[in-house]
Amino acid sequence: MTASGLIEHGENALVLHTGYFGDSYAACLQTYGANVTQLKAPIGDRPSQSEIEAALKQKPYKLLTLTHVDTSTGVLNDVKAIAQTVRRVSPNTLIAVDGVCSVGCEEIAFDDWDIDVVLTGSQKAIGCPPGLAILMWSGRAIDTLKSRKSPVTSYYASALNWLPIMQNYENFKPSYFATPATQLVHALHTSLSQITARPMSERFNAHTQTSNRVKAAIKDLGLSQLAANPEAQAHGMTAIYLPEGLVPGDVLPGLLNRGVIFAGGLHKEIATKYIRFGHMGISVTNPGRGDIDNALAALKETLAEAKQAKGL
C-alpha cells in the first residue's frame, strides 16, 4: 500500500539495504514504477549517517525506506538518527519504516521522530496469528496520496479505497469495501490491550535485557553474530553464525526434537552459514514460561550433538 500509494511512475526512492528485505522493498517499489536506488551495507552492518546524507544530496527522493530490524540479518537500524538526517538534508522526503520485526519489541516514536509510515504484521512481537497488515501513516503521507497526479495502480492495496471506510467507522457509520478478517482484528485488539496495559518502556527494557542474555550465552558457546556491532543488534532476534563445518540442516532438526524452532538462514549470500533465534513477545514478557532458557539449553545440546556427528 505504501509503494502503490506514495510513489508514482518514474519518481525516486532510496532503499537502505541491511539484508534480504531491502531487496524485497526495492522489488516492491519497482513494481509500481519507482526509480529505486539501494544504499547497501556489508552483511551484518547498516549504512552510516554520512553515507545516507551523501546519497540524499545526489538527487531528490520522494521516499526513503528502511527496515527497522532486518529479519534476515538481525541488524537494527537507528530510525531516530536516520529521520533526523533526512529532515535536515531532504525535508520533503517521505520516510517509510518496515517494522515487521520491530513493532512491539523496539522503541518507535512515530510523531517525535517525524516518521511518515510504519508498517508491520500481526504475527511477531504483537503476538497474533499472521494475516493482518498494519500501517500507520502521517498526515503528510495521506496528503501525498490524495494529491497524486496519476491513479493508484492497485485496487485492494489502495489507501484511497480504505480511508473512507475507516473514517466512517470512526463516526460509528459502518461501511463496506471488502470483508475484513474480523477474528484477527479481535485478536489484535486483545493483544494490543494486553501490551498497552503496562508502560511500553518496561516492555522495551525486558526485550533489551533478554537480548543481552541471549547474546552473552551465544558468545559463551563460541558463536558469533551476523550483526557484529552491538549498536546494530536487534533486541527481538539474533542471527547466529554456525561453527565451521555445520549447516542449518545439521542443527534445526535437533532443535525441533527438543521442542524448539529456530529458523534457517535467509540472506541468499550466506544462507547455509547461519540460523536465526527469535526472542520476542510473550516469551520475553512472561519469563516464567522458561522459553528462553529452554531454547538456549536446546541450542547448546544440539550443537554438541551435531559436532560429534560430524567429527568436529
C-alpha atoms as a PDB file:
ATOM      1  CA  MET A   1       0.000   0.000   0.000  1.00  0.00           C
ATOM      2  CA  THR A   2       2.935   2.316   0.689  1.00  0.00           C
ATOM      3  CA  ALA A   3       4.527   1.579  -2.676  1.00  0.00           C
ATOM      4  CA  SER A   4       1.277   1.742  -4.605  1.00  0.00           C
ATOM      5  CA  GLY A   5       0.069   4.923  -2.915  1.00  0.00           C
ATOM      6  CA  LEU A   6       3.095   7.108  -2.278  1.00  0.00           C
ATOM      7  CA  ILE A   7       5.231   6.525  -5.369  1.00  0.00           C
ATOM      8  CA  GLU A   8       4.311   7.411  -8.928  1.00  0.00           C
ATOM      9  CA  HIS A   9       5.969   6.140 -12.079  1.00  0.00           C
ATOM     10  CA  GLY A  10       9.496   7.483 -12.509  1.00  0.00           C
ATOM     11  CA  GLU A  11       9.825   9.011  -9.036  1.00  0.00           C
ATOM     12  CA  ASN A  12      12.947   8.322  -6.986  1.00  0.00           C
ATOM     13  CA  ALA A  13      13.060   6.061  -3.938  1.00  0.00           C
ATOM     14  CA  LEU A  14      16.094   5.382  -1.730  1.00  0.00           C
ATOM     15  CA  VAL A  15      16.177   1.980  -0.044  1.00  0.00           C
ATOM     16  CA  LEU A  16      18.529   1.490   2.909  1.00  0.00           C
ATOM     17  CA  HIS A  17      19.625  -2.106   2.496  1.00  0.00           C
ATOM     18  CA  THR A  18      20.537  -4.231   5.523  1.00  0.00           C
ATOM     19  CA  GLY A  19      19.626  -7.649   4.143  1.00  0.00           C
ATOM     20  CA  TYR A  20      17.020  -9.691   2.304  1.00  0.00           C
ATOM     21  CA  PHE A  21      14.164  -7.314   2.999  1.00  0.00           C
ATOM     22  CA  GLY A  22      15.966  -4.383   1.419  1.00  0.00           C
ATOM     23  CA  ASP A  23      15.821  -6.282  -1.858  1.00  0.00           C
ATOM     24  CA  SER A  24      12.139  -7.038  -1.229  1.00  0.00           C
ATOM     25  CA  TYR A  25      11.374  -3.383  -0.580  1.00  0.00           C
ATOM     26  CA  ALA A  26      13.189  -2.397  -3.767  1.00  0.00           C
ATOM     27  CA  ALA A  27      11.356  -5.005  -5.850  1.00  0.00           C
ATOM     28  CA  CYS A  28       8.001  -3.860  -4.452  1.00  0.00           C
ATOM     29  CA  LEU A  29       8.716  -0.218  -5.270  1.00  0.00           C
ATOM     30  CA  GLN A  30       9.905  -1.101  -8.774  1.00  0.00           C
ATOM     31  CA  THR A  31       6.679  -2.999  -9.365  1.00  0.00           C
ATOM     32  CA  TYR A  32       4.860   0.315  -9.048  1.00  0.00           C
ATOM     33  CA  GLY A  33       7.254   2.177 -11.322  1.00  0.00           C
ATOM     34  CA  ALA A  34       9.665   3.749  -8.854  1.00  0.00           C
ATOM     35  CA  ASN A  35      13.224   4.575  -9.828  1.00  0.00           C
ATOM     36  CA  VAL A  36      14.999   2.757  -6.983  1.00  0.00           C
ATOM     37  CA  THR A  37      18.479   3.319  -5.600  1.00  0.00           C
ATOM     38  CA  GLN A  38      19.739   0.911  -2.947  1.00  0.00           C
ATOM     39  CA  LEU A  39      22.299   2.013  -0.378  1.00  0.00           C
ATOM     40  CA  LYS A  40      23.775  -1.339   0.620  1.00  0.00           C
ATOM     41  CA  ALA A  41      25.768  -2.064   3.747  1.00  0.00           C
ATOM     42  CA  PRO A  42      28.070  -5.079   4.152  1.00  0.00           C
ATOM     43  CA  ILE A  43      26.334  -8.172   5.533  1.00  0.00           C
ATOM     44  CA  GLY A  44      25.682  -7.647   9.235  1.00  0.00           C
ATOM     45  CA  ASP A  45      26.064  -3.877   9.105  1.00  0.00           C
ATOM     46  CA  ARG A  46      23.955  -0.815   8.281  1.00  0.00           C
ATOM     47  CA  PRO A  47      24.523   2.336   6.216  1.00  0.00           C
ATOM     48  CA  SER A  48      26.177   5.130   8.179  1.00  0.00           C
ATOM     49  CA  GLN A  49      24.596   8.545   8.657  1.00  0.00           C
ATOM     50  CA  SER A  50      27.291  10.119   6.463  1.00  0.00           C
ATOM     51  CA  GLU A  51      26.522   7.628   3.666  1.00  0.00           C
ATOM     52  CA  ILE A  52      22.807   8.367   3.950  1.00  0.00           C
ATOM     53  CA  GLU A  53      23.442  12.106   3.859  1.00  0.00           C
ATOM     54  CA  ALA A  54      25.654  11.778   0.798  1.00  0.00           C
ATOM     55  CA  ALA A  55      23.033   9.681  -1.003  1.00  0.00           C
ATOM     56  CA  LEU A  56      20.276  12.193  -0.221  1.00  0.00           C
ATOM     57  CA  LYS A  57      22.370  15.011  -1.692  1.00  0.00           C
ATOM     58  CA  GLN A  58      22.840  13.230  -5.015  1.00  0.00           C
ATOM     59  CA  LYS A  59      19.240  13.702  -6.213  1.00  0.00           C
ATOM     60  CA  PRO A  60      15.760  14.408  -4.859  1.00  0.00           C
ATOM     61  CA  TYR A  61      13.995  11.388  -3.393  1.00  0.00           C
ATOM     62  CA  LYS A  62      10.239  11.161  -2.998  1.00  0.00           C
ATOM     63  CA  LEU A  63      10.590   8.309  -0.500  1.00  0.00           C
ATOM     64  CA  LEU A  64      13.247   6.743   1.720  1.00  0.00           C
ATOM     65  CA  THR A  65      12.584   3.254   3.057  1.00  0.00           C
ATOM     66  CA  LEU A  66      14.382   1.285   5.715  1.00  0.00           C
ATOM     67  CA  THR A  67      13.921  -1.978   7.543  1.00  0.00           C
ATOM     68  CA  HIS A  68      13.985  -1.281  11.273  1.00  0.00           C
ATOM     69  CA  VAL A  69      15.084  -4.840  12.024  1.00  0.00           C
ATOM     70  CA  ASP A  70      16.016  -6.960   9.038  1.00  0.00           C
ATOM     71  CA  THR A  71      14.926 -10.469   9.967  1.00  0.00           C
ATOM     72  CA  SER A  72      17.485 -11.971   7.624  1.00  0.00           C
ATOM     73  CA  THR A  73      20.481 -10.483   9.447  1.00  0.00           C
ATOM     74  CA  GLY A  74      19.343  -9.297  12.873  1.00  0.00           C
ATOM     75  CA  VAL A  75      20.556  -5.785  12.033  1.00  0.00           C
ATOM     76  CA  LEU A  76      18.863  -2.894  13.838  1.00  0.00           C
ATOM     77  CA  ASN A  77      18.658   0.470  12.090  1.00  0.00           C
ATOM     78  CA  ASP A  78      18.738   3.694  14.112  1.00  0.00           C
ATOM     79  CA  VAL A  79      15.411   5.085  12.903  1.00  0.00           C
ATOM     80  CA  LYS A  80      15.600   8.213  15.044  1.00  0.00           C
ATOM     81  CA  ALA A  81      19.024   9.230  13.724  1.00  0.00           C
ATOM     82  CA  ILE A  82      18.071   8.415  10.135  1.00  0.00           C
ATOM     83  CA  ALA A  83      14.912  10.511  10.399  1.00  0.00           C
ATOM     84  CA  GLN A  84      16.917  13.425  11.776  1.00  0.00           C
ATOM     85  CA  THR A  85      19.332  13.189   8.853  1.00  0.00           C
ATOM     86  CA  VAL A  86      16.508  13.051   6.304  1.00  0.00           C
ATOM     87  CA  ARG A  87      14.681  16.045   7.797  1.00  0.00           C
ATOM     88  CA  ARG A  88      17.898  18.082   7.856  1.00  0.00           C
ATOM     89  CA  VAL A  89      19.137  17.187   4.364  1.00  0.00           C
ATOM     90  CA  SER A  90      15.950  16.438   2.395  1.00  0.00           C
ATOM     91  CA  PRO A  91      12.957  17.559   4.496  1.00  0.00           C
ATOM     92  CA  ASN A  92      10.321  16.757   1.867  1.00  0.00           C
ATOM     93  CA  THR A  93      11.372  13.116   1.515  1.00  0.00           C
ATOM     94  CA  LEU A  94       8.849  10.704   2.992  1.00  0.00           C
ATOM     95  CA  ILE A  95      10.227   8.162   5.496  1.00  0.00           C
ATOM     96  CA  ALA A  96       8.755   4.648   5.444  1.00  0.00           C
ATOM     97  CA  VAL A  97       9.793   2.109   8.069  1.00  0.00           C
ATOM     98  CA  ASP A  98       9.363  -1.654   7.730  1.00  0.00           C
ATOM     99  CA  GLY A  99       8.592  -2.529  11.351  1.00  0.00           C
ATOM    100  CA  VAL A 100       7.538  -6.151  10.864  1.00  0.00           C
ATOM    101  CA  CYS A 101      10.255  -7.418  13.219  1.00  0.00           C
ATOM    102  CA  SER A 102      10.366  -4.356  15.475  1.00  0.00           C
ATOM    103  CA  VAL A 103       6.882  -3.130  16.376  1.00  0.00           C
ATOM    104  CA  GLY A 104       6.235  -4.336  19.905  1.00  0.00           C
ATOM    105  CA  CYS A 105       9.859  -5.001  20.849  1.00  0.00           C
ATOM    106  CA  GLU A 106      11.813  -1.935  19.664  1.00  0.00           C
ATOM    107  CA  GLU A 107      11.072   1.680  20.516  1.00  0.00           C
ATOM    108  CA  ILE A 108       9.342   3.666  17.767  1.00  0.00           C
ATOM    109  CA  ALA A 109       8.276   7.256  18.464  1.00  0.00           C
ATOM    110  CA  PHE A 110       6.230   7.943  15.335  1.00  0.00           C
ATOM    111  CA  ASP A 111       5.389  11.608  15.984  1.00  0.00           C
ATOM    112  CA  ASP A 112       8.521  12.639  17.878  1.00  0.00           C
ATOM    113  CA  TRP A 113      10.817  11.152  15.226  1.00  0.00           C
ATOM    114  CA  ASP A 114       8.711  12.630  12.397  1.00  0.00           C
ATOM    115  CA  ILE A 115       8.174   9.365  10.509  1.00  0.00           C
ATOM    116  CA  ASP A 116       5.660   9.077   7.677  1.00  0.00           C
ATOM    117  CA  VAL A 117       4.923   5.348   7.500  1.00  0.00           C
ATOM    118  CA  VAL A 118       5.387   2.394   9.815  1.00  0.00           C
ATOM    119  CA  LEU A 119       4.138  -0.938   8.544  1.00  0.00           C
ATOM    120  CA  THR A 120       4.058  -4.248  10.351  1.00  0.00           C
ATOM    121  CA  GLY A 121       2.357  -7.615  10.529  1.00  0.00           C
ATOM    122  CA  SER A 122       0.353  -9.199  13.287  1.00  0.00           C
ATOM    123  CA  GLN A 123       2.490 -12.278  13.823  1.00  0.00           C
ATOM    124  CA  LYS A 124       5.708 -11.270  15.548  1.00  0.00           C
ATOM    125  CA  ALA A 125       6.163  -9.191  18.722  1.00  0.00           C
ATOM    126  CA  ILE A 126       2.489  -8.205  18.677  1.00  0.00           C
ATOM    127  CA  GLY A 127       1.749 -11.885  19.191  1.00  0.00           C
ATOM    128  CA  CYS A 128      -1.261 -12.506  16.922  1.00  0.00           C
ATOM    129  CA  PRO A 129      -1.739 -15.105  14.187  1.00  0.00           C
ATOM    130  CA  PRO A 130      -0.387 -13.991  10.816  1.00  0.00           C
ATOM    131  CA  GLY A 131      -2.683 -12.368   8.310  1.00  0.00           C
ATOM    132  CA  LEU A 132      -3.028  -8.687   9.165  1.00  0.00           C
ATOM    133  CA  ALA A 133      -1.113  -5.855   7.520  1.00  0.00           C
ATOM    134  CA  ILE A 134      -0.960  -2.953   9.990  1.00  0.00           C
ATOM    135  CA  LEU A 135       0.044   0.541   8.882  1.00  0.00           C
ATOM    136  CA  MET A 136       0.395   3.984  10.406  1.00  0.00           C
ATOM    137  CA  TRP A 137       0.615   6.969   8.067  1.00  0.00           C
ATOM    138  CA  SER A 138       1.387  10.585   8.826  1.00  0.00           C
ATOM    139  CA  GLY A 139      -0.810  13.441   7.659  1.00  0.00           C
ATOM    140  CA  ARG A 140       1.981  14.303   5.225  1.00  0.00           C
ATOM    141  CA  ALA A 141       1.779  10.813   3.701  1.00  0.00           C
ATOM    142  CA  ILE A 142      -2.012  10.983   3.392  1.00  0.00           C
ATOM    143  CA  ASP A 143      -1.773  14.408   1.741  1.00  0.00           C
ATOM    144  CA  THR A 144       0.773  12.958  -0.700  1.00  0.00           C
ATOM    145  CA  LEU A 145      -1.621  10.128  -1.524  1.00  0.00           C
ATOM    146  CA  LYS A 146      -4.545  12.486  -2.098  1.00  0.00           C
ATOM    147  CA  SER A 147      -2.525  14.801  -4.341  1.00  0.00           C
ATOM    148  CA  ARG A 148      -1.284  12.101  -6.734  1.00  0.00           C
ATOM    149  CA  LYS A 149      -1.174  13.106 -10.385  1.00  0.00           C
ATOM    150  CA  SER A 150      -1.878   9.545 -11.552  1.00  0.00           C
ATOM    151  CA  PRO A 151      -4.343   6.921 -10.293  1.00  0.00           C
ATOM    152  CA  VAL A 152      -3.222   4.385  -7.694  1.00  0.00           C
ATOM    153  CA  THR A 153      -2.212   1.308  -9.670  1.00  0.00           C
ATOM    154  CA  SER A 154      -3.801  -1.157  -7.270  1.00  0.00           C
ATOM    155  CA  TYR A 155      -7.337  -1.845  -6.145  1.00  0.00           C
ATOM    156  CA  TYR A 156      -7.256  -3.632  -2.798  1.00  0.00           C
ATOM    157  CA  ALA A 157      -3.908  -2.029  -1.897  1.00  0.00           C
ATOM    158  CA  SER A 158      -5.212   1.467  -2.481  1.00  0.00           C
ATOM    159  CA  ALA A 159      -5.454   3.514   0.683  1.00  0.00           C
ATOM    160  CA  LEU A 160      -7.908   5.754  -1.146  1.00  0.00           C
ATOM    161  CA  ASN A 161     -10.390   2.878  -1.037  1.00  0.00           C
ATOM    162  CA  TRP A 162      -9.806   2.193   2.660  1.00  0.00           C
ATOM    163  CA  LEU A 163      -9.678   5.716   4.085  1.00  0.00           C
ATOM    164  CA  PRO A 164     -13.434   6.418   3.721  1.00  0.00           C
ATOM    165  CA  ILE A 165     -14.222   3.110   5.421  1.00  0.00           C
ATOM    166  CA  MET A 166     -12.024   3.940   8.409  1.00  0.00           C
ATOM    167  CA  GLN A 167     -13.360   7.483   8.648  1.00  0.00           C
ATOM    168  CA  ASN A 168     -16.939   6.202   8.619  1.00  0.00           C
ATOM    169  CA  TYR A 169     -16.178   3.681  11.351  1.00  0.00           C
ATOM    170  CA  GLU A 170     -14.665   6.453  13.455  1.00  0.00           C
ATOM    171  CA  ASN A 171     -18.026   8.190  13.142  1.00  0.00           C
ATOM    172  CA  PHE A 172     -19.891   4.969  14.023  1.00  0.00           C
ATOM    173  CA  LYS A 173     -21.139   4.534  10.466  1.00  0.00           C
ATOM    174  CA  PRO A 174     -20.236   1.010   9.316  1.00  0.00           C
ATOM    175  CA  SER A 175     -19.301   0.895   5.630  1.00  0.00           C
ATOM    176  CA  TYR A 176     -18.173  -1.743   3.196  1.00  0.00           C
ATOM    177  CA  PHE A 177     -15.290  -2.051   0.779  1.00  0.00           C
ATOM    178  CA  ALA A 178     -14.007  -5.589   1.400  1.00  0.00           C
ATOM    179  CA  THR A 179     -14.634  -8.136   4.134  1.00  0.00           C
ATOM    180  CA  PRO A 180     -12.048  -7.723   6.918  1.00  0.00           C
ATOM    181  CA  ALA A 181     -10.510 -10.615   8.846  1.00  0.00           C
ATOM    182  CA  THR A 182     -12.776  -9.996  11.821  1.00  0.00           C
ATOM    183  CA  GLN A 183     -11.391 -12.742  14.064  1.00  0.00           C
ATOM    184  CA  LEU A 184      -7.855 -11.468  13.552  1.00  0.00           C
ATOM    185  CA  VAL A 185      -8.947  -7.899  14.260  1.00  0.00           C
ATOM    186  CA  HIS A 186     -10.467  -9.050  17.555  1.00  0.00           C
ATOM    187  CA  ALA A 187      -7.241 -10.946  18.339  1.00  0.00           C
ATOM    188  CA  LEU A 188      -5.246  -7.816  17.574  1.00  0.00           C
ATOM    189  CA  HIS A 189      -7.419  -5.753  19.906  1.00  0.00           C
ATOM    190  CA  THR A 190      -6.874  -8.302  22.691  1.00  0.00           C
ATOM    191  CA  SER A 191      -3.128  -8.385  22.157  1.00  0.00           C
ATOM    192  CA  LEU A 192      -2.752  -4.610  21.986  1.00  0.00           C
ATOM    193  CA  SER A 193      -4.872  -4.224  25.124  1.00  0.00           C
ATOM    194  CA  GLN A 194      -2.510  -6.564  26.959  1.00  0.00           C
ATOM    195  CA  ILE A 195       0.595  -4.853  25.574  1.00  0.00           C
ATOM    196  CA  THR A 196      -0.529  -1.341  26.489  1.00  0.00           C
ATOM    197  CA  ALA A 197      -1.752  -2.308  29.959  1.00  0.00           C
ATOM    198  CA  ARG A 198       1.808  -1.707  31.174  1.00  0.00           C
ATOM    199  CA  PRO A 199       4.267   1.069  30.303  1.00  0.00           C
ATOM    200  CA  MET A 200       5.912   0.450  26.947  1.00  0.00           C
ATOM    201  CA  SER A 201       9.266   1.351  28.487  1.00  0.00           C
ATOM    202  CA  GLU A 202       9.008  -1.795  30.632  1.00  0.00           C
ATOM    203  CA  ARG A 203       8.335  -3.898  27.559  1.00  0.00           C
ATOM    204  CA  PHE A 204      11.273  -2.474  25.636  1.00  0.00           C
ATOM    205  CA  ASN A 205      13.566  -2.907  28.639  1.00  0.00           C
ATOM    206  CA  ALA A 206      12.505  -6.567  29.010  1.00  0.00           C
ATOM    207  CA  HIS A 207      13.402  -7.212  25.375  1.00  0.00           C
ATOM    208  CA  THR A 208      16.751  -5.466  25.796  1.00  0.00           C
ATOM    209  CA  GLN A 209      17.628  -7.482  28.896  1.00  0.00           C
ATOM    210  CA  THR A 210      16.618 -10.762  27.282  1.00  0.00           C
ATOM    211  CA  SER A 211      18.544  -9.903  24.141  1.00  0.00           C
ATOM    212  CA  ASN A 212      21.673  -9.157  26.175  1.00  0.00           C
ATOM    213  CA  ARG A 213      21.341 -12.503  27.921  1.00  0.00           C
ATOM    214  CA  VAL A 214      20.866 -14.403  24.670  1.00  0.00           C
ATOM    215  CA  LYS A 215      23.821 -12.725  23.020  1.00  0.00           C
ATOM    216  CA  ALA A 216      26.047 -13.365  26.049  1.00  0.00           C
ATOM    217  CA  ALA A 217      25.065 -17.039  26.011  1.00  0.00           C
ATOM    218  CA  ILE A 218      25.833 -17.274  22.297  1.00  0.00           C
ATOM    219  CA  LYS A 219      29.257 -15.782  22.893  1.00  0.00           C
ATOM    220  CA  ASP A 220      29.846 -18.310  25.694  1.00  0.00           C
ATOM    221  CA  LEU A 221      29.130 -21.064  23.161  1.00  0.00           C
ATOM    222  CA  GLY A 222      31.917 -19.700  20.977  1.00  0.00           C
ATOM    223  CA  LEU A 223      29.494 -18.436  18.341  1.00  0.00           C
ATOM    224  CA  SER A 224      29.331 -15.052  16.627  1.00  0.00           C
ATOM    225  CA  GLN A 225      26.521 -12.923  15.234  1.00  0.00           C
ATOM    226  CA  LEU A 226      25.947 -11.544  11.766  1.00  0.00           C
ATOM    227  CA  ALA A 227      25.485  -8.141  13.397  1.00  0.00           C
ATOM    228  CA  ALA A 228      28.898  -7.692  14.990  1.00  0.00           C
ATOM    229  CA  ASN A 229      28.364  -4.092  16.147  1.00  0.00           C
ATOM    230  CA  PRO A 230      26.373  -4.087  19.431  1.00  0.00           C
ATOM    231  CA  GLU A 231      24.634  -0.840  18.446  1.00  0.00           C
ATOM    232  CA  ALA A 232      23.303  -2.548  15.306  1.00  0.00           C
ATOM    233  CA  GLN A 233      21.991  -5.672  17.053  1.00  0.00           C
ATOM    234  CA  ALA A 234      18.240  -6.233  17.216  1.00  0.00           C
ATOM    235  CA  HIS A 235      16.598  -6.891  20.577  1.00  0.00           C
ATOM    236  CA  GLY A 236      13.890  -9.276  19.378  1.00  0.00           C
ATOM    237  CA  MET A 237      16.039 -11.745  17.444  1.00  0.00           C
ATOM    238  CA  THR A 238      19.608 -12.870  16.905  1.00  0.00           C
ATOM    239  CA  ALA A 239      21.220 -14.180  13.712  1.00  0.00           C
ATOM    240  CA  ILE A 240      23.923 -16.692  14.650  1.00  0.00           C
ATOM    241  CA  TYR A 241      26.810 -17.981  12.566  1.00  0.00           C
ATOM    242  CA  LEU A 242      27.191 -21.750  12.881  1.00  0.00           C
ATOM    243  CA  PRO A 243      30.558 -23.354  13.631  1.00  0.00           C
ATOM    244  CA  GLU A 244      32.651 -24.139  10.565  1.00  0.00           C
ATOM    245  CA  GLY A 245      31.555 -27.464   9.124  1.00  0.00           C
ATOM    246  CA  LEU A 246      27.914 -27.228  10.167  1.00  0.00           C
ATOM    247  CA  VAL A 247      24.922 -26.111   8.117  1.00  0.00           C
ATOM    248  CA  PRO A 248      21.371 -25.344   9.275  1.00  0.00           C
ATOM    249  CA  GLY A 249      20.213 -28.836   8.314  1.00  0.00           C
ATOM    250  CA  ASP A 250      22.643 -30.257  10.879  1.00  0.00           C
ATOM    251  CA  VAL A 251      21.057 -28.429  13.810  1.00  0.00           C
ATOM    252  CA  LEU A 252      17.466 -27.418  13.058  1.00  0.00           C
ATOM    253  CA  PRO A 253      16.057 -30.980  13.331  1.00  0.00           C
ATOM    254  CA  GLY A 254      17.821 -31.477  16.663  1.00  0.00           C
ATOM    255  CA  LEU A 255      16.357 -28.251  17.992  1.00  0.00           C
ATOM    256  CA  LEU A 256      12.900 -29.308  16.815  1.00  0.00           C
ATOM    257  CA  ASN A 257      13.293 -32.661  18.567  1.00  0.00           C
ATOM    258  CA  ARG A 258      13.864 -30.683  21.760  1.00  0.00           C
ATOM    259  CA  GLY A 259      10.690 -28.686  21.256  1.00  0.00           C
ATOM    260  CA  VAL A 260      12.376 -25.538  19.931  1.00  0.00           C
ATOM    261  CA  ILE A 261      12.024 -23.954  16.496  1.00  0.00           C
ATOM    262  CA  PHE A 262      14.830 -21.808  15.118  1.00  0.00           C
ATOM    263  CA  ALA A 263      14.854 -20.504  11.538  1.00  0.00           C
ATOM    264  CA  GLY A 264      17.440 -21.192   8.873  1.00  0.00           C
ATOM    265  CA  GLY A 265      19.469 -18.527   7.157  1.00  0.00           C
ATOM    266  CA  LEU A 266      17.595 -16.209   4.791  1.00  0.00           C
ATOM    267  CA  HIS A 267      20.266 -13.974   3.291  1.00  0.00           C
ATOM    268  CA  LYS A 268      20.961 -15.607  -0.063  1.00  0.00           C
ATOM    269  CA  GLU A 269      24.717 -14.988   0.033  1.00  0.00           C
ATOM    270  CA  ILE A 270      25.277 -16.806   3.337  1.00  0.00           C
ATOM    271  CA  ALA A 271      22.079 -18.817   3.895  1.00  0.00           C
ATOM    272  CA  THR A 272      23.934 -22.062   4.641  1.00  0.00           C
ATOM    273  CA  LYS A 273      26.154 -20.487   7.297  1.00  0.00           C
ATOM    274  CA  TYR A 274      23.755 -19.335   9.988  1.00  0.00           C
ATOM    275  CA  ILE A 275      20.493 -19.757  11.890  1.00  0.00           C
ATOM    276  CA  ARG A 276      18.088 -17.281  13.484  1.00  0.00           C
ATOM    277  CA  PHE A 277      16.709 -17.173  17.023  1.00  0.00           C
ATOM    278  CA  GLY A 278      13.570 -15.140  17.666  1.00  0.00           C
ATOM    279  CA  HIS A 279      13.112 -13.896  21.248  1.00  0.00           C
ATOM    280  CA  MET A 280      10.180 -11.513  21.458  1.00  0.00           C
ATOM    281  CA  GLY A 281       6.660 -11.110  22.742  1.00  0.00           C
ATOM    282  CA  ILE A 282       5.254 -13.389  25.418  1.00  0.00           C
ATOM    283  CA  SER A 283       8.435 -15.470  25.599  1.00  0.00           C
ATOM    284  CA  VAL A 284      10.132 -12.337  26.902  1.00  0.00           C
ATOM    285  CA  THR A 285       7.359 -10.626  28.842  1.00  0.00           C
ATOM    286  CA  ASN A 286       6.378 -13.831  30.664  1.00  0.00           C
ATOM    287  CA  PRO A 287       9.746 -15.301  31.666  1.00  0.00           C
ATOM    288  CA  GLY A 288       8.064 -17.835  33.942  1.00  0.00           C
ATOM    289  CA  ARG A 289       7.295 -19.883  30.835  1.00  0.00           C
ATOM    290  CA  GLY A 290      11.006 -20.675  30.539  1.00  0.00           C
ATOM    291  CA  ASP A 291      11.043 -20.299  26.757  1.00  0.00           C
ATOM    292  CA  ILE A 292      14.396 -18.513  26.555  1.00  0.00           C
ATOM    293  CA  ASP A 293      16.150 -20.865  28.974  1.00  0.00           C
ATOM    294  CA  ASN A 294      14.790 -23.906  27.135  1.00  0.00           C
ATOM    295  CA  ALA A 295      15.888 -22.537  23.775  1.00  0.00           C
ATOM    296  CA  LEU A 296      19.415 -21.779  24.956  1.00  0.00           C
ATOM    297  CA  ALA A 297      19.753 -25.209  26.566  1.00  0.00           C
ATOM    298  CA  ALA A 298      18.467 -26.880  23.407  1.00  0.00           C
ATOM    299  CA  LEU A 299      20.926 -24.907  21.283  1.00  0.00           C
ATOM    300  CA  LYS A 300      23.863 -25.944  23.442  1.00  0.00           C
ATOM    301  CA  GLU A 301      22.879 -29.623  23.413  1.00  0.00           C
ATOM    302  CA  THR A 302      22.104 -29.684  19.706  1.00  0.00           C
ATOM    303  CA  LEU A 303      25.384 -28.050  18.712  1.00  0.00           C
ATOM    304  CA  ALA A 304      27.337 -30.558  20.785  1.00  0.00           C
ATOM    305  CA  GLU A 305      25.400 -33.411  19.188  1.00  0.00           C
ATOM    306  CA  ALA A 306      25.890 -32.049  15.672  1.00  0.00           C
ATOM    307  CA  LYS A 307      29.622 -31.525  16.172  1.00  0.00           C
ATOM    308  CA  GLN A 308      30.022 -35.049  17.456  1.00  0.00           C
ATOM    309  CA  ALA A 309      28.097 -36.448  14.494  1.00  0.00           C
ATOM    310  CA  LYS A 310      30.352 -34.546  12.099  1.00  0.00           C
ATOM    311  CA  GLY A 311      33.512 -35.375  13.988  1.00  0.00           C
ATOM    312  CA  LEU A 312      34.271 -31.718  14.664  1.00  0.00           C
END
